[in-house]
Amino acid sequence: FYLIFCVSFLQSQEKLISKNGKIMFEASVPSY
């Protein structure tokens, strides 16, 4: 699986928290 991981953190103090990160995977074959 080829994964793309994207996450946007909101600035805070020592810990940054994100609740809407994204992961995409693709395993397609031509003609299918």
Full PDB file with SEQRES, HELIX, SHEET, SSBOND, CRYST1, ORIGX, SCALE, CONECT and MASTER records, all heavy atoms in Angstrom:
SEQRES   1 A   32  PHE TYR LEU ILE PHE CYS VAL SER PHE LEU GLN SER GLN          
SEQRES   2 A   32  GLU LYS LEU ILE SER LYS ASN GLY LYS ILE MET PHE GLU          
SEQRES   3 A   32  ALA SER VAL PRO SER TYR                                      
SHEET    1 AA1 2 TYR A   2  CYS A   6  0                                        
SHEET    2 AA1 2 LYS A  22  GLU A  26 -1                                        
CRYST1    1.000    1.000    1.000  90.00  90.00  90.00 P 1           1          
ORIGX1      1.000000  0.000000  0.000000        0.00000                         
ORIGX2      0.000000  1.000000  0.000000        0.00000                         
ORIGX3      0.000000  0.000000  1.000000        0.00000                         
SCALE1      1.000000  0.000000  0.000000        0.00000                         
SCALE2      0.000000  1.000000  0.000000        0.00000                         
SCALE3      0.000000  0.000000  1.000000        0.00000                         
ATOM      1  N   PHE A   1       0.851  -1.186   0.000  1.00  0.00           N  
ATOM      2  CA  PHE A   1       0.000   0.000   0.000  1.00  0.00           C  
ATOM      3  C   PHE A   1       0.886   1.236   0.000  1.00  0.00           C  
ATOM      4  O   PHE A   1       1.829   1.330   0.770  1.00  0.00           O  
ATOM      5  CB  PHE A   1      -0.886   0.028   1.259  1.00  0.00           C  
ATOM      6  CG  PHE A   1      -1.953  -0.993   1.270  1.00  0.00           C  
ATOM      7  CD1 PHE A   1      -1.897  -2.064   2.144  1.00  0.00           C  
ATOM      8  CD2 PHE A   1      -3.026  -0.909   0.393  1.00  0.00           C  
ATOM      9  CE1 PHE A   1      -2.893  -3.018   2.170  1.00  0.00           C  
ATOM     10  CE2 PHE A   1      -4.033  -1.859   0.412  1.00  0.00           C  
ATOM     11  CZ  PHE A   1      -3.958  -2.911   1.307  1.00  0.00           C  
ATOM     12  N   TYR A   2       0.555   2.181  -0.849  1.00  0.00           N  
ATOM     13  CA  TYR A   2       1.274   3.446  -0.875  1.00  0.00           C  
ATOM     14  C   TYR A   2       0.432   4.450  -0.118  1.00  0.00           C  
ATOM     15  O   TYR A   2      -0.678   4.763  -0.521  1.00  0.00           O  
ATOM     16  CB  TYR A   2       1.477   3.903  -2.321  1.00  0.00           C  
ATOM     17  CG  TYR A   2       2.514   4.980  -2.495  1.00  0.00           C  
ATOM     18  CD1 TYR A   2       3.808   4.647  -2.869  1.00  0.00           C  
ATOM     19  CD2 TYR A   2       2.198   6.309  -2.301  1.00  0.00           C  
ATOM     20  CE1 TYR A   2       4.756   5.624  -3.054  1.00  0.00           C  
ATOM     21  CE2 TYR A   2       3.145   7.290  -2.470  1.00  0.00           C  
ATOM     22  CZ  TYR A   2       4.427   6.944  -2.852  1.00  0.00           C  
ATOM     23  OH  TYR A   2       5.369   7.927  -3.025  1.00  0.00           O  
ATOM     24  N   LEU A   3       0.948   4.921   0.995  1.00  0.00           N  
ATOM     25  CA  LEU A   3       0.169   5.766   1.879  1.00  0.00           C  
ATOM     26  C   LEU A   3       0.617   7.221   1.813  1.00  0.00           C  
ATOM     27  O   LEU A   3       1.803   7.506   1.730  1.00  0.00           O  
ATOM     28  CB  LEU A   3       0.297   5.288   3.333  1.00  0.00           C  
ATOM     29  CG  LEU A   3      -0.145   3.855   3.610  1.00  0.00           C  
ATOM     30  CD1 LEU A   3       0.027   3.548   5.081  1.00  0.00           C  
ATOM     31  CD2 LEU A   3      -1.597   3.650   3.211  1.00  0.00           C  
ATOM     32  N   ILE A   4      -0.330   8.103   1.864  1.00  0.00           N  
ATOM     33  CA  ILE A   4      -0.047   9.524   2.008  1.00  0.00           C  
ATOM     34  C   ILE A   4      -0.616   9.959   3.342  1.00  0.00           C  
ATOM     35  O   ILE A   4      -1.800   9.791   3.602  1.00  0.00           O  
ATOM     36  CB  ILE A   4      -0.689  10.352   0.879  1.00  0.00           C  
ATOM     37  CG1 ILE A   4      -0.146   9.901  -0.468  1.00  0.00           C  
ATOM     38  CG2 ILE A   4      -0.410  11.836   1.071  1.00  0.00           C  
ATOM     39  CD1 ILE A   4      -0.825  10.594  -1.630  1.00  0.00           C  
ATOM     40  N   PHE A   5       0.248  10.511   4.162  1.00  0.00           N  
ATOM     41  CA  PHE A   5      -0.171  10.924   5.494  1.00  0.00           C  
ATOM     42  C   PHE A   5      -0.074  12.438   5.591  1.00  0.00           C  
ATOM     43  O   PHE A   5       0.982  13.012   5.395  1.00  0.00           O  
ATOM     44  CB  PHE A   5       0.735  10.272   6.542  1.00  0.00           C  
ATOM     45  CG  PHE A   5       0.492  10.733   7.950  1.00  0.00           C  
ATOM     46  CD1 PHE A   5      -0.637  10.320   8.636  1.00  0.00           C  
ATOM     47  CD2 PHE A   5       1.395  11.564   8.594  1.00  0.00           C  
ATOM     48  CE1 PHE A   5      -0.863  10.735   9.930  1.00  0.00           C  
ATOM     49  CE2 PHE A   5       1.175  11.977   9.892  1.00  0.00           C  
ATOM     50  CZ  PHE A   5       0.051  11.561  10.567  1.00  0.00           C  
ATOM     51  N   CYS A   6      -1.178  13.109   5.853  1.00  0.00           N  
ATOM     52  CA  CYS A   6      -1.205  14.561   5.996  1.00  0.00           C  
ATOM     53  C   CYS A   6      -1.877  14.919   7.307  1.00  0.00           C  
ATOM     54  O   CYS A   6      -2.946  14.415   7.612  1.00  0.00           O  
ATOM     55  CB  CYS A   6      -1.976  15.219   4.852  1.00  0.00           C  
ATOM     56  SG  CYS A   6      -1.258  14.992   3.229  1.00  0.00           S  
ATOM     57  N   VAL A   7      -1.259  15.788   8.064  1.00  0.00           N  
ATOM     58  CA  VAL A   7      -1.864  16.206   9.317  1.00  0.00           C  
ATOM     59  C   VAL A   7      -1.531  17.668   9.574  1.00  0.00           C  
ATOM     60  O   VAL A   7      -0.420  18.114   9.342  1.00  0.00           O  
ATOM     61  CB  VAL A   7      -1.386  15.313  10.490  1.00  0.00           C  
ATOM     62  CG1 VAL A   7       0.113  15.350  10.631  1.00  0.00           C  
ATOM     63  CG2 VAL A   7      -2.055  15.731  11.800  1.00  0.00           C  
ATOM     64  N   SER A   8      -2.526  18.404  10.016  1.00  0.00           N  
ATOM     65  CA  SER A   8      -2.351  19.826  10.319  1.00  0.00           C  
ATOM     66  C   SER A   8      -2.588  20.038  11.808  1.00  0.00           C  
ATOM     67  O   SER A   8      -3.660  19.732  12.324  1.00  0.00           O  
ATOM     68  CB  SER A   8      -3.339  20.670   9.505  1.00  0.00           C  
ATOM     69  OG  SER A   8      -3.227  22.027   9.844  1.00  0.00           O  
ATOM     70  N   PHE A   9      -1.559  20.521  12.503  1.00  0.00           N  
ATOM     71  CA  PHE A   9      -1.654  20.732  13.939  1.00  0.00           C  
ATOM     72  C   PHE A   9      -1.943  22.190  14.250  1.00  0.00           C  
ATOM     73  O   PHE A   9      -1.383  23.095  13.623  1.00  0.00           O  
ATOM     74  CB  PHE A   9      -0.329  20.367  14.633  1.00  0.00           C  
ATOM     75  CG  PHE A   9       0.010  18.910  14.600  1.00  0.00           C  
ATOM     76  CD1 PHE A   9       0.841  18.402  13.622  1.00  0.00           C  
ATOM     77  CD2 PHE A   9      -0.497  18.039  15.545  1.00  0.00           C  
ATOM     78  CE1 PHE A   9       1.170  17.063  13.589  1.00  0.00           C  
ATOM     79  CE2 PHE A   9      -0.172  16.695  15.521  1.00  0.00           C  
ATOM     80  CZ  PHE A   9       0.660  16.208  14.547  1.00  0.00           C  
ATOM     81  N   LEU A  10      -2.789  22.422  15.234  1.00  0.00           N  
ATOM     82  CA  LEU A  10      -3.014  23.763  15.741  1.00  0.00           C  
ATOM     83  C   LEU A  10      -1.988  24.046  16.834  1.00  0.00           C  
ATOM     84  O   LEU A  10      -1.734  23.205  17.688  1.00  0.00           O  
ATOM     85  CB  LEU A  10      -4.439  23.907  16.298  1.00  0.00           C  
ATOM     86  CG  LEU A  10      -5.564  23.728  15.278  1.00  0.00           C  
ATOM     87  CD1 LEU A  10      -6.914  23.889  15.968  1.00  0.00           C  
ATOM     88  CD2 LEU A  10      -5.435  24.747  14.160  1.00  0.00           C  
ATOM     89  N   GLN A  11      -1.392  25.222  16.778  1.00  0.00           N  
ATOM     90  CA  GLN A  11      -0.333  25.571  17.709  1.00  0.00           C  
ATOM     91  C   GLN A  11      -0.873  25.691  19.130  1.00  0.00           C  
ATOM     92  O   GLN A  11      -1.909  26.304  19.364  1.00  0.00           O  
ATOM     93  CB  GLN A  11       0.320  26.895  17.299  1.00  0.00           C  
ATOM     94  CG  GLN A  11       1.590  27.241  18.064  1.00  0.00           C  
ATOM     95  CD  GLN A  11       2.759  26.395  17.618  1.00  0.00           C  
ATOM     96  OE1 GLN A  11       2.924  26.135  16.434  1.00  0.00           O  
ATOM     97  NE2 GLN A  11       3.562  25.963  18.556  1.00  0.00           N  
ATOM     98  N   SER A  12      -0.163  25.111  20.086  1.00  0.00           N  
ATOM     99  CA  SER A  12      -0.514  25.272  21.489  1.00  0.00           C  
ATOM    100  C   SER A  12       0.779  25.386  22.284  1.00  0.00           C  
ATOM    101  O   SER A  12       1.628  26.189  21.937  1.00  0.00           O  
ATOM    102  CB  SER A  12      -1.371  24.099  21.972  1.00  0.00           C  
ATOM    103  OG  SER A  12      -0.676  22.884  21.860  1.00  0.00           O  
ATOM    104  N   GLN A  13       0.974  24.534  23.300  1.00  0.00           N  
ATOM    105  CA  GLN A  13       2.181  24.622  24.103  1.00  0.00           C  
ATOM    106  C   GLN A  13       3.123  23.464  23.766  1.00  0.00           C  
ATOM    107  O   GLN A  13       3.638  23.401  22.672  1.00  0.00           O  
ATOM    108  CB  GLN A  13       1.813  24.674  25.582  1.00  0.00           C  
ATOM    109  CG  GLN A  13       0.973  25.915  25.929  1.00  0.00           C  
ATOM    110  CD  GLN A  13       0.577  25.955  27.383  1.00  0.00           C  
ATOM    111  OE1 GLN A  13       0.726  24.977  28.115  1.00  0.00           O  
ATOM    112  NE2 GLN A  13       0.066  27.099  27.822  1.00  0.00           N  
ATOM    113  N   GLU A  14       3.327  22.552  24.716  1.00  0.00           N  
ATOM    114  CA  GLU A  14       4.274  21.472  24.478  1.00  0.00           C  
ATOM    115  C   GLU A  14       3.722  20.403  23.548  1.00  0.00           C  
ATOM    116  O   GLU A  14       4.489  19.720  22.870  1.00  0.00           O  
ATOM    117  CB  GLU A  14       4.694  20.834  25.802  1.00  0.00           C  
ATOM    118  CG  GLU A  14       5.567  21.722  26.660  1.00  0.00           C  
ATOM    119  CD  GLU A  14       6.050  21.014  27.903  1.00  0.00           C  
ATOM    120  OE1 GLU A  14       5.596  19.870  28.144  1.00  0.00           O  
ATOM    121  OE2 GLU A  14       6.872  21.591  28.625  1.00  0.00           O  
ATOM    122  N   LYS A  15       2.393  20.248  23.515  1.00  0.00           N  
ATOM    123  CA  LYS A  15       1.788  19.217  22.682  1.00  0.00           C  
ATOM    124  C   LYS A  15       0.834  19.842  21.670  1.00  0.00           C  
ATOM    125  O   LYS A  15      -0.011  20.654  22.027  1.00  0.00           O  
ATOM    126  CB  LYS A  15       1.046  18.187  23.537  1.00  0.00           C  
ATOM    127  CG  LYS A  15       1.961  17.306  24.373  1.00  0.00           C  
ATOM    128  CD  LYS A  15       1.173  16.235  25.098  1.00  0.00           C  
ATOM    129  CE  LYS A  15       2.088  15.320  25.900  1.00  0.00           C  
ATOM    130  NZ  LYS A  15       1.328  14.249  26.594  1.00  0.00           N  
ATOM    131  N   LEU A  16       0.992  19.431  20.414  1.00  0.00           N  
ATOM    132  CA  LEU A  16       0.097  19.874  19.360  1.00  0.00           C  
ATOM    133  C   LEU A  16      -0.866  18.733  19.047  1.00  0.00           C  
ATOM    134  O   LEU A  16      -0.459  17.569  18.954  1.00  0.00           O  
ATOM    135  CB  LEU A  16       0.876  20.255  18.104  1.00  0.00           C  
ATOM    136  CG  LEU A  16       2.018  21.258  18.286  1.00  0.00           C  
ATOM    137  CD1 LEU A  16       2.591  21.629  16.929  1.00  0.00           C  
ATOM    138  CD2 LEU A  16       1.534  22.505  19.008  1.00  0.00           C  
ATOM    139  N   ILE A  17      -2.123  19.058  18.895  1.00  0.00           N  
ATOM    140  CA  ILE A  17      -3.157  18.032  18.691  1.00  0.00           C  
ATOM    141  C   ILE A  17      -3.920  18.289  17.399  1.00  0.00           C  
ATOM    142  O   ILE A  17      -4.296  19.414  17.102  1.00  0.00           O  
ATOM    143  CB  ILE A  17      -4.146  18.015  19.872  1.00  0.00           C  
ATOM    144  CG1 ILE A  17      -3.420  17.692  21.181  1.00  0.00           C  
ATOM    145  CG2 ILE A  17      -5.250  16.993  19.635  1.00  0.00           C  
ATOM    146  CD1 ILE A  17      -4.304  17.805  22.421  1.00  0.00           C  
ATOM    147  N   SER A  18      -4.110  17.227  16.629  1.00  0.00           N  
ATOM    148  CA  SER A  18      -4.921  17.296  15.411  1.00  0.00           C  
ATOM    149  C   SER A  18      -5.951  16.181  15.445  1.00  0.00           C  
ATOM    150  O   SER A  18      -5.643  15.048  15.813  1.00  0.00           O  
ATOM    151  CB  SER A  18      -4.046  17.150  14.161  1.00  0.00           C  
ATOM    152  OG  SER A  18      -4.857  17.073  13.005  1.00  0.00           O  
ATOM    153  N   LYS A  19      -7.189  16.508  15.058  1.00  0.00           N  
ATOM    154  CA  LYS A  19      -8.268  15.520  15.028  1.00  0.00           C  
ATOM    155  C   LYS A  19      -8.765  15.257  13.611  1.00  0.00           C  
ATOM    156  O   LYS A  19      -9.732  14.530  13.430  1.00  0.00           O  
ATOM    157  CB  LYS A  19      -9.428  15.994  15.914  1.00  0.00           C  
ATOM    158  CG  LYS A  19      -9.038  16.254  17.354  1.00  0.00           C  
ATOM    159  CD  LYS A  19     -10.180  16.867  18.134  1.00  0.00           C  
ATOM    160  CE  LYS A  19      -9.768  17.235  19.543  1.00  0.00           C  
ATOM    161  NZ  LYS A  19     -10.869  17.907  20.277  1.00  0.00           N  
ATOM    162  N   ASN A  20      -8.106  15.876  12.626  1.00  0.00           N  
ATOM    163  CA  ASN A  20      -8.577  15.709  11.243  1.00  0.00           C  
ATOM    164  C   ASN A  20      -7.432  15.436  10.277  1.00  0.00           C  
ATOM    165  O   ASN A  20      -7.398  15.950   9.170  1.00  0.00           O  
ATOM    166  CB  ASN A  20      -9.378  16.933  10.796  1.00  0.00           C  
ATOM    167  CG  ASN A  20      -8.556  18.219  10.865  1.00  0.00           C  
ATOM    168  OD1 ASN A  20      -7.448  18.222  11.389  1.00  0.00           O  
ATOM    169  ND2 ASN A  20      -9.101  19.292  10.346  1.00  0.00           N  
ATOM    170  N   GLY A  21      -6.471  14.611  10.713  1.00  0.00           N  
ATOM    171  CA  GLY A  21      -5.419  14.181   9.807  1.00  0.00           C  
ATOM    172  C   GLY A  21      -6.000  13.298   8.720  1.00  0.00           C  
ATOM    173  O   GLY A  21      -7.138  12.814   8.823  1.00  0.00           O  
ATOM    174  N   LYS A  22      -5.237  13.083   7.655  1.00  0.00           N  
ATOM    175  CA  LYS A  22      -5.732  12.301   6.518  1.00  0.00           C  
ATOM    176  C   LYS A  22      -4.722  11.230   6.127  1.00  0.00           C  
ATOM    177  O   LYS A  22      -3.527  11.479   6.109  1.00  0.00           O  
ATOM    178  CB  LYS A  22      -5.995  13.207   5.320  1.00  0.00           C  
ATOM    179  CG  LYS A  22      -7.031  14.291   5.578  1.00  0.00           C  
ATOM    180  CD  LYS A  22      -7.227  15.169   4.352  1.00  0.00           C  
ATOM    181  CE  LYS A  22      -8.161  16.329   4.672  1.00  0.00           C  
ATOM    182  NZ  LYS A  22      -9.543  15.882   4.914  1.00  0.00           N  
ATOM    183  N   ILE A  23      -5.229  10.048   5.791  1.00  0.00           N  
ATOM    184  CA  ILE A  23      -4.413   8.977   5.226  1.00  0.00           C  
ATOM    185  C   ILE A  23      -5.093   8.480   3.965  1.00  0.00           C  
ATOM    186  O   ILE A  23      -6.285   8.189   3.968  1.00  0.00           O  
ATOM    187  CB  ILE A  23      -4.235   7.796   6.206  1.00  0.00           C  
ATOM    188  CG1 ILE A  23      -3.465   8.239   7.457  1.00  0.00           C  
ATOM    189  CG2 ILE A  23      -3.498   6.652   5.519  1.00  0.00           C  
ATOM    190  CD1 ILE A  23      -3.246   7.129   8.456  1.00  0.00           C  
ATOM    191  N   MET A  24      -4.336   8.400   2.885  1.00  0.00           N  
ATOM    192  CA  MET A  24      -4.852   7.866   1.632  1.00  0.00           C  
ATOM    193  C   MET A  24      -3.966   6.727   1.167  1.00  0.00           C  
ATOM    194  O   MET A  24      -2.746   6.795   1.324  1.00  0.00           O  
ATOM    195  CB  MET A  24      -4.877   8.949   0.543  1.00  0.00           C  
ATOM    196  CG  MET A  24      -5.548   8.486  -0.743  1.00  0.00           C  
ATOM    197  SD  MET A  24      -5.362   9.676  -2.117  1.00  0.00           S  
ATOM    198  CE  MET A  24      -3.739   9.203  -2.707  1.00  0.00           C  
ATOM    199  N   PHE A  25      -4.560   5.674   0.650  1.00  0.00           N  
ATOM    200  CA  PHE A  25      -3.753   4.639   0.014  1.00  0.00           C  
ATOM    201  C   PHE A  25      -4.336   4.284  -1.341  1.00  0.00           C  
ATOM    202  O   PHE A  25      -5.536   4.436  -1.593  1.00  0.00           O  
ATOM    203  CB  PHE A  25      -3.606   3.387   0.899  1.00  0.00           C  
ATOM    204  CG  PHE A  25      -4.808   2.480   0.926  1.00  0.00           C  
ATOM    205  CD1 PHE A  25      -5.043   1.567  -0.086  1.00  0.00           C  
ATOM    206  CD2 PHE A  25      -5.686   2.518   1.998  1.00  0.00           C  
ATOM    207  CE1 PHE A  25      -6.146   0.719  -0.058  1.00  0.00           C  
ATOM    208  CE2 PHE A  25      -6.787   1.673   2.043  1.00  0.00           C  
ATOM    209  CZ  PHE A  25      -7.014   0.781   1.023  1.00  0.00           C  
ATOM    210  N   GLU A  26      -3.473   3.825  -2.234  1.00  0.00           N  
ATOM    211  CA  GLU A  26      -3.908   3.418  -3.563  1.00  0.00           C  
ATOM    212  C   GLU A  26      -3.110   2.198  -4.005  1.00  0.00           C  
ATOM    213  O   GLU A  26      -1.898   2.123  -3.787  1.00  0.00           O  
ATOM    214  CB  GLU A  26      -3.724   4.550  -4.574  1.00  0.00           C  
ATOM    215  CG  GLU A  26      -4.236   4.176  -5.958  1.00  0.00           C  
ATOM    216  CD  GLU A  26      -4.307   5.351  -6.903  1.00  0.00           C  
ATOM    217  OE1 GLU A  26      -4.084   6.479  -6.452  1.00  0.00           O  
ATOM    218  OE2 GLU A  26      -4.584   5.126  -8.087  1.00  0.00           O  
ATOM    219  N   ALA A  27      -3.789   1.245  -4.593  1.00  0.00           N  
ATOM    220  CA  ALA A  27      -3.151   0.026  -5.107  1.00  0.00           C  
ATOM    221  C   ALA A  27      -3.836  -0.376  -6.405  1.00  0.00           C  
ATOM    222  O   ALA A  27      -4.229  -1.517  -6.597  1.00  0.00           O  
ATOM    223  CB  ALA A  27      -3.242  -1.091  -4.069  1.00  0.00           C  
ATOM    224  N   SER A  28      -3.976   0.591  -7.314  1.00  0.00           N  
ATOM    225  CA  SER A  28      -4.698   0.355  -8.565  1.00  0.00           C  
ATOM    226  C   SER A  28      -3.814  -0.296  -9.620  1.00  0.00           C  
ATOM    227  O   SER A  28      -2.589  -0.164  -9.617  1.00  0.00           O  
ATOM    228  CB  SER A  28      -5.240   1.681  -9.115  1.00  0.00           C  
ATOM    229  OG  SER A  28      -6.096   2.296  -8.189  1.00  0.00           O  
ATOM    230  N   VAL A  29      -4.455  -1.005 -10.536  1.00  0.00           N  
ATOM    231  CA  VAL A  29      -3.796  -1.639 -11.674  1.00  0.00           C  
ATOM    232  C   VAL A  29      -4.461  -1.138 -12.952  1.00  0.00           C  
ATOM    233  O   VAL A  29      -5.698  -1.073 -13.014  1.00  0.00           O  
ATOM    234  CB  VAL A  29      -3.920  -3.177 -11.587  1.00  0.00           C  
ATOM    235  CG1 VAL A  29      -3.381  -3.835 -12.856  1.00  0.00           C  
ATOM    236  CG2 VAL A  29      -3.169  -3.703 -10.372  1.00  0.00           C  
ATOM    237  N   PRO A  30      -3.674  -0.769 -13.990  1.00  0.00           N  
ATOM    238  CA  PRO A  30      -4.274  -0.311 -15.252  1.00  0.00           C  
ATOM    239  C   PRO A  30      -5.281  -1.319 -15.802  1.00  0.00           C  
ATOM    240  O   PRO A  30      -5.084  -2.533 -15.688  1.00  0.00           O  
ATOM    241  CB  PRO A  30      -3.064  -0.167 -16.175  1.00  0.00           C  
ATOM    242  CG  PRO A  30      -1.920   0.100 -15.252  1.00  0.00           C  
ATOM    243  CD  PRO A  30      -2.201  -0.723 -14.021  1.00  0.00           C  
ATOM    244  N   SER A  31      -6.355  -0.799 -16.371  1.00  0.00           N  
ATOM    245  CA  SER A  31      -7.425  -1.606 -16.991  1.00  0.00           C  
ATOM    246  C   SER A  31      -8.371  -2.233 -15.972  1.00  0.00           C  
ATOM    247  O   SER A  31      -9.315  -2.931 -16.352  1.00  0.00           O  
ATOM    248  CB  SER A  31      -6.845  -2.712 -17.896  1.00  0.00           C  
ATOM    249  OG  SER A  31      -6.044  -2.146 -18.916  1.00  0.00           O  
ATOM    250  N   TYR A  32      -8.129  -2.011 -14.694  1.00  0.00           N  
ATOM    251  CA  TYR A  32      -9.034  -2.520 -13.665  1.00  0.00           C  
ATOM    252  C   TYR A  32      -9.613  -1.364 -12.864  1.00  0.00           C  
ATOM    253  O   TYR A  32      -9.151  -0.223 -12.958  1.00  0.00           O  
ATOM    254  CB  TYR A  32      -8.307  -3.493 -12.721  1.00  0.00           C  
ATOM    255  CG  TYR A  32      -8.006  -4.837 -13.355  1.00  0.00           C  
ATOM    256  CD1 TYR A  32      -6.753  -5.105 -13.908  1.00  0.00           C  
ATOM    257  CD2 TYR A  32      -8.979  -5.835 -13.402  1.00  0.00           C  
ATOM    258  CE1 TYR A  32      -6.480  -6.336 -14.485  1.00  0.00           C  
ATOM    259  CE2 TYR A  32      -8.713  -7.068 -13.973  1.00  0.00           C  
ATOM    260  CZ  TYR A  32      -7.456  -7.312 -14.517  1.00  0.00           C  
ATOM    261  OH  TYR A  32      -7.192  -8.528 -15.089  1.00  0.00           O  
TER     262      TYR A  32                                                      
MASTER        0    0    0    0    2    0    0    6  261    1    0    3          
END                                                                             
